[in-house]
Protein backbone atom coordinates (compact mmCIF):
# COMPACT_ATOMS: atom_id res chain seq x y z
CA MET A 1 0.00 0.00 0.00
CA GLY A 2 1.03 3.63 -0.50
CA ASN A 3 1.25 6.22 2.25
CA ARG A 4 -2.36 7.33 1.77
CA GLU A 5 -3.72 3.81 2.14
CA ASP A 6 -1.40 3.14 5.09
CA LEU A 7 -2.69 6.26 6.83
CA LEU A 8 -6.31 5.22 6.28
CA ALA A 9 -5.62 1.76 7.66
CA GLY A 10 -3.80 3.26 10.65
CA ALA A 11 -6.62 5.70 11.32
CA ARG A 12 -9.12 2.83 11.22
CA ARG A 13 -7.10 0.92 13.81
CA CYS A 14 -6.93 3.99 16.02
CA LEU A 15 -10.67 4.58 15.78
CA GLU A 16 -11.32 0.99 16.78
CA GLU A 17 -8.82 0.98 19.65
CA LYS A 18 -8.95 4.56 20.97
CA GLY A 19 -11.98 6.27 19.47
CA TRP A 20 -12.09 9.66 17.77
CA ALA A 21 -11.36 12.02 20.64
CA ARG A 22 -8.31 10.17 22.00
CA THR A 23 -6.60 9.56 18.66
CA THR A 24 -3.64 11.84 18.01
CA VAL A 25 -1.59 12.50 14.89
CA ARG A 26 1.28 10.60 16.53
CA ASP A 27 -1.04 7.61 17.16
CA ILE A 28 -2.03 7.50 13.50
CA SER A 29 1.57 7.73 12.35
CA ALA A 30 2.56 4.81 14.58
CA ALA A 31 -0.46 2.70 13.61
CA SER A 32 0.24 3.26 9.92
CA GLY A 33 3.68 1.72 10.16
CA GLY A 34 5.67 4.88 10.71
CA VAL A 35 4.30 7.07 7.90
CA SER A 36 5.39 10.62 8.74
CA MET A 37 2.96 12.95 10.49
CA ALA A 38 3.57 15.49 7.71
CA ALA A 39 2.06 13.01 5.23
CA ILE A 40 -1.31 13.38 6.97
CA GLY A 41 -1.43 17.03 5.98
CA TYR A 42 -0.20 16.28 2.49
CA HIS A 43 -2.75 13.57 1.71
CA PHE A 44 -5.76 14.66 3.79
CA GLY A 45 -5.20 18.22 4.96
CA SER A 46 -5.78 17.53 8.64
CA ARG A 47 -6.18 14.86 11.31
CA GLU A 48 -9.94 15.47 11.31
CA ALA A 49 -10.23 14.98 7.54
CA LEU A 50 -8.27 11.72 7.76
CA LEU A 51 -10.46 10.41 10.57
CA ASN A 52 -13.55 11.41 8.59
CA ALA A 53 -12.27 9.42 5.62
CA ALA A 54 -11.58 6.43 7.86
CA LEU A 55 -15.07 6.65 9.36
CA ILE A 56 -16.66 6.83 5.92
CA GLN A 57 -14.69 3.75 4.90
CA ALA A 58 -15.99 1.95 7.99
CA ILE A 59 -19.57 3.05 7.28
CA ASP A 60 -19.28 1.75 3.73
CA GLU A 61 -18.23 -1.61 5.14
CA TRP A 62 -21.13 -1.43 7.61
CA GLY A 63 -23.52 -0.94 4.70
CA THR A 64 -22.02 -3.89 2.86
CA GLU A 65 -22.31 -6.08 5.95
CA THR A 66 -25.93 -5.01 6.48
CA GLY A 67 -26.77 -5.75 2.87
CA ARG A 68 -25.15 -9.16 3.13
CA THR A 69 -27.23 -9.95 6.21
CA LEU A 70 -30.47 -8.76 4.63
CA ALA A 71 -29.80 -10.78 1.48
CA ALA A 72 -30.99 -13.90 3.31
CA TYR A 73 -34.37 -12.30 3.99
CA GLY A 74 -37.33 -13.67 2.07
CA ASP A 75 -37.13 -17.47 2.34
CA PRO A 76 -40.19 -18.57 0.31
CA ASP A 77 -40.69 -21.62 2.54
CA SER A 78 -41.18 -19.49 5.67
CA THR A 79 -44.00 -17.28 6.85
CA ALA A 80 -43.54 -13.51 6.87
CA ALA A 81 -43.14 -13.58 10.67
CA GLU A 82 -40.53 -16.35 10.50
CA GLN A 83 -38.58 -14.46 7.87
CA TYR A 84 -38.66 -11.24 9.89
CA GLU A 85 -37.56 -13.02 13.07
CA ALA A 86 -34.72 -14.74 11.20
CA MET A 87 -33.58 -11.41 9.78
CA TRP A 88 -33.35 -9.95 13.27
CA SER A 89 -31.48 -12.95 14.60
CA GLN A 90 -28.92 -12.53 11.80
CA MET A 91 -28.59 -8.79 12.44
CA ILE A 92 -28.04 -9.38 16.15
CA GLU A 93 -25.36 -11.95 15.37
CA SER A 94 -23.68 -9.30 13.22
CA PHE A 95 -23.70 -6.81 16.12
CA THR A 96 -21.51 -9.25 18.06
CA ALA A 97 -19.34 -10.54 15.22
CA HIS A 98 -18.63 -7.08 13.81
CA ARG A 99 -18.81 -5.02 17.01
CA LYS A 100 -16.05 -2.57 16.06
CA LEU A 101 -17.71 -1.87 12.73
CA TRP A 102 -21.03 -1.06 14.38
CA LEU A 103 -19.31 1.08 17.02
CA ALA A 104 -17.72 3.09 14.21
CA SER A 105 -21.19 3.91 12.89
CA VAL A 106 -22.13 5.35 16.30
CA GLU A 107 -18.88 7.33 16.45
CA ALA A 108 -19.63 8.79 13.02
CA LEU A 109 -22.98 10.16 14.22
CA LEU A 110 -21.29 11.99 17.08
CA GLN A 111 -18.57 13.49 14.91
CA ALA A 112 -21.00 14.54 12.18
CA GLU A 113 -22.24 17.28 14.50
CA HIS A 114 -18.90 19.02 13.94
CA SER A 115 -18.34 18.11 10.29
CA PRO A 116 -20.82 19.29 7.61
CA GLU A 117 -19.13 17.02 5.07
CA LEU A 118 -19.52 13.93 7.23
CA ARG A 119 -23.06 14.90 8.17
CA GLU A 120 -24.03 15.26 4.50
CA TYR A 121 -22.52 11.87 3.75
CA LEU A 122 -24.38 10.20 6.61
CA ALA A 123 -27.66 11.85 5.60
CA GLY A 124 -27.28 10.37 2.12
CA SER A 125 -26.41 6.97 3.57
CA GLN A 126 -29.47 7.06 5.80
CA GLN A 127 -31.70 7.83 2.84
CA GLU A 128 -30.25 4.89 0.93
CA GLY A 129 -30.69 2.74 4.02
CA ARG A 130 -34.35 3.64 4.47
CA ARG A 131 -35.10 2.80 0.87
CA GLY A 132 -33.13 -0.45 0.97
CA LEU A 133 -34.83 -1.63 4.16
CA ALA A 134 -38.29 -0.78 2.84
CA ALA A 135 -37.59 -2.59 -0.43
CA THR A 136 -36.36 -5.66 1.46
CA LEU A 137 -39.45 -5.81 3.66
CA ARG A 138 -41.82 -5.20 0.76
CA GLY A 139 -39.99 -7.61 -1.52
CA VAL A 140 -39.89 -5.16 -4.44
CA PRO A 141 -37.14 -3.26 -6.31
CA GLU A 142 -36.20 0.05 -4.73
CA ASP A 143 -37.32 2.07 -7.73
CA GLU A 144 -40.88 0.76 -7.32
CA LEU A 145 -41.29 2.17 -3.82
CA GLN A 146 -43.37 5.25 -3.11
CA ASP A 147 -41.68 7.98 -1.09
CA SER A 148 -44.33 7.58 1.60
CA THR A 149 -43.31 3.94 2.09
CA VAL A 150 -39.66 4.93 2.44
CA ARG A 151 -40.53 7.62 5.00
CA THR A 152 -42.74 5.30 7.05
CA LEU A 153 -41.73 1.65 6.74
CA GLY A 154 -38.10 2.37 5.91
CA SER A 155 -37.65 5.01 8.62
CA VAL A 156 -39.27 2.93 11.36
CA GLN A 157 -37.28 -0.17 10.46
CA MET A 158 -34.09 1.91 10.54
CA ALA A 159 -35.06 3.30 13.95
CA LEU A 160 -35.57 -0.25 15.23
CA LEU A 161 -32.26 -1.35 13.77
CA SER A 162 -30.35 1.54 15.35
CA GLY A 163 -32.05 1.13 18.71
CA VAL A 164 -31.51 -2.61 18.98
CA MET A 165 -27.91 -2.18 17.84
CA VAL A 166 -27.18 0.37 20.59
CA GLN A 167 -28.70 -1.92 23.20
CA TRP A 168 -26.55 -4.84 22.07
CA LEU A 169 -23.40 -2.73 22.05
CA THR A 170 -23.98 -1.46 25.60
CA ASP A 171 -25.80 -4.26 27.43
CA PRO A 172 -25.99 -7.52 25.47
CA GLU A 173 -27.20 -9.52 28.48
CA TRP A 174 -30.51 -7.64 28.60
CA SER A 175 -30.88 -6.81 24.90
CA PRO A 176 -33.71 -8.40 22.89
CA SER A 177 -33.29 -11.50 20.77
CA GLY A 178 -34.84 -11.87 17.31
CA PRO A 179 -38.00 -13.54 18.70
CA GLU A 180 -38.28 -10.87 21.41
CA VAL A 181 -38.09 -8.05 18.85
CA LEU A 182 -40.96 -9.68 16.98
CA GLU A 183 -42.96 -10.18 20.18
CA GLY A 184 -42.39 -6.56 21.15
CA LEU A 185 -43.70 -5.35 17.81
CA ARG A 186 -46.77 -7.55 18.21
CA ALA A 187 -47.40 -6.00 21.62
CA ILE A 188 -47.14 -2.49 20.18
CA VAL A 189 -49.58 -3.32 17.37
CA ALA A 190 -51.98 -4.91 19.83
CA GLY A 191 -51.74 -1.87 22.07
CA ILE A 192 -52.44 0.79 19.46
CA GLY A 193 -54.74 -1.25 17.24
CA PRO A 194 -55.21 -0.69 13.52
CA ALA A 195 -55.73 2.75 11.98
CA GLY A 196 -58.86 4.24 13.49
CA GLY A 197 -58.96 1.58 16.22
CA ARG A 198 -59.72 2.26 19.88
CA ALA A 199 -57.06 2.66 22.53
CA PRO A 200 -56.72 -0.21 25.02
CA ASP A 201 -59.14 -0.24 27.96
CA GLU A 202 -58.16 -1.02 31.55
CA SER A 203 -57.98 -4.74 30.78
CA GLY A 204 -55.37 -4.00 28.12
CA THR A 205 -57.59 -5.02 25.19
CA THR A 206 -58.62 -2.83 22.29
CA GLY A 207 -61.79 -4.61 21.30
CA VAL A 208 -60.35 -5.25 17.83
CA PRO A 209 -58.78 -8.44 16.46
CA ASP A 210 -55.02 -8.80 16.30
CA SER A 211 -53.51 -7.19 13.24
CA PRO A 212 -52.22 -9.56 10.53
CA GLY A 213 -48.56 -9.77 9.54
CA VAL A 214 -45.92 -9.77 12.23
């Protein structure tokens, strides 16, 4: 690899081992195999720009890993609920197997507050993610989705994904399994009822049948 690639690899290692705030220029130089600190300015302009580039690289890998996990969704021999539960079980396994990659995605969100370039990149990635998740769950090509479906189904699924991920990264012992995520969604649907349905009474029932699907 050339100096630029060495610096990116070194910055990635530092992000994984030290995090953004504690990584210094000297740390990156050492982790990149002794590439000079001056080379950081030459190739990237600043420490912050190099760390941004390393984070974006990690997020790209995160997206690839997520896509690989979702590719197994849609087994024709399973019910919709079984497929959804299996998808969550695979995602949760990924949280553990690729912990550093998922942590990098959280780090990127924090740093984006101070970097318009990184924030713009993440906003675009989120939009692609919403559309991809909605297409997966609907079982249709992305270009056939209505914007309303992306903003509802895609956004809510992304919120679930992010929330479950954070729980697994911080407290895996008490974080939900795939079946528990599904059961939790069923409880929410039962609690709010279908569109136009009544709120639960004191017994916890809504007076309407359980919603189909998950």
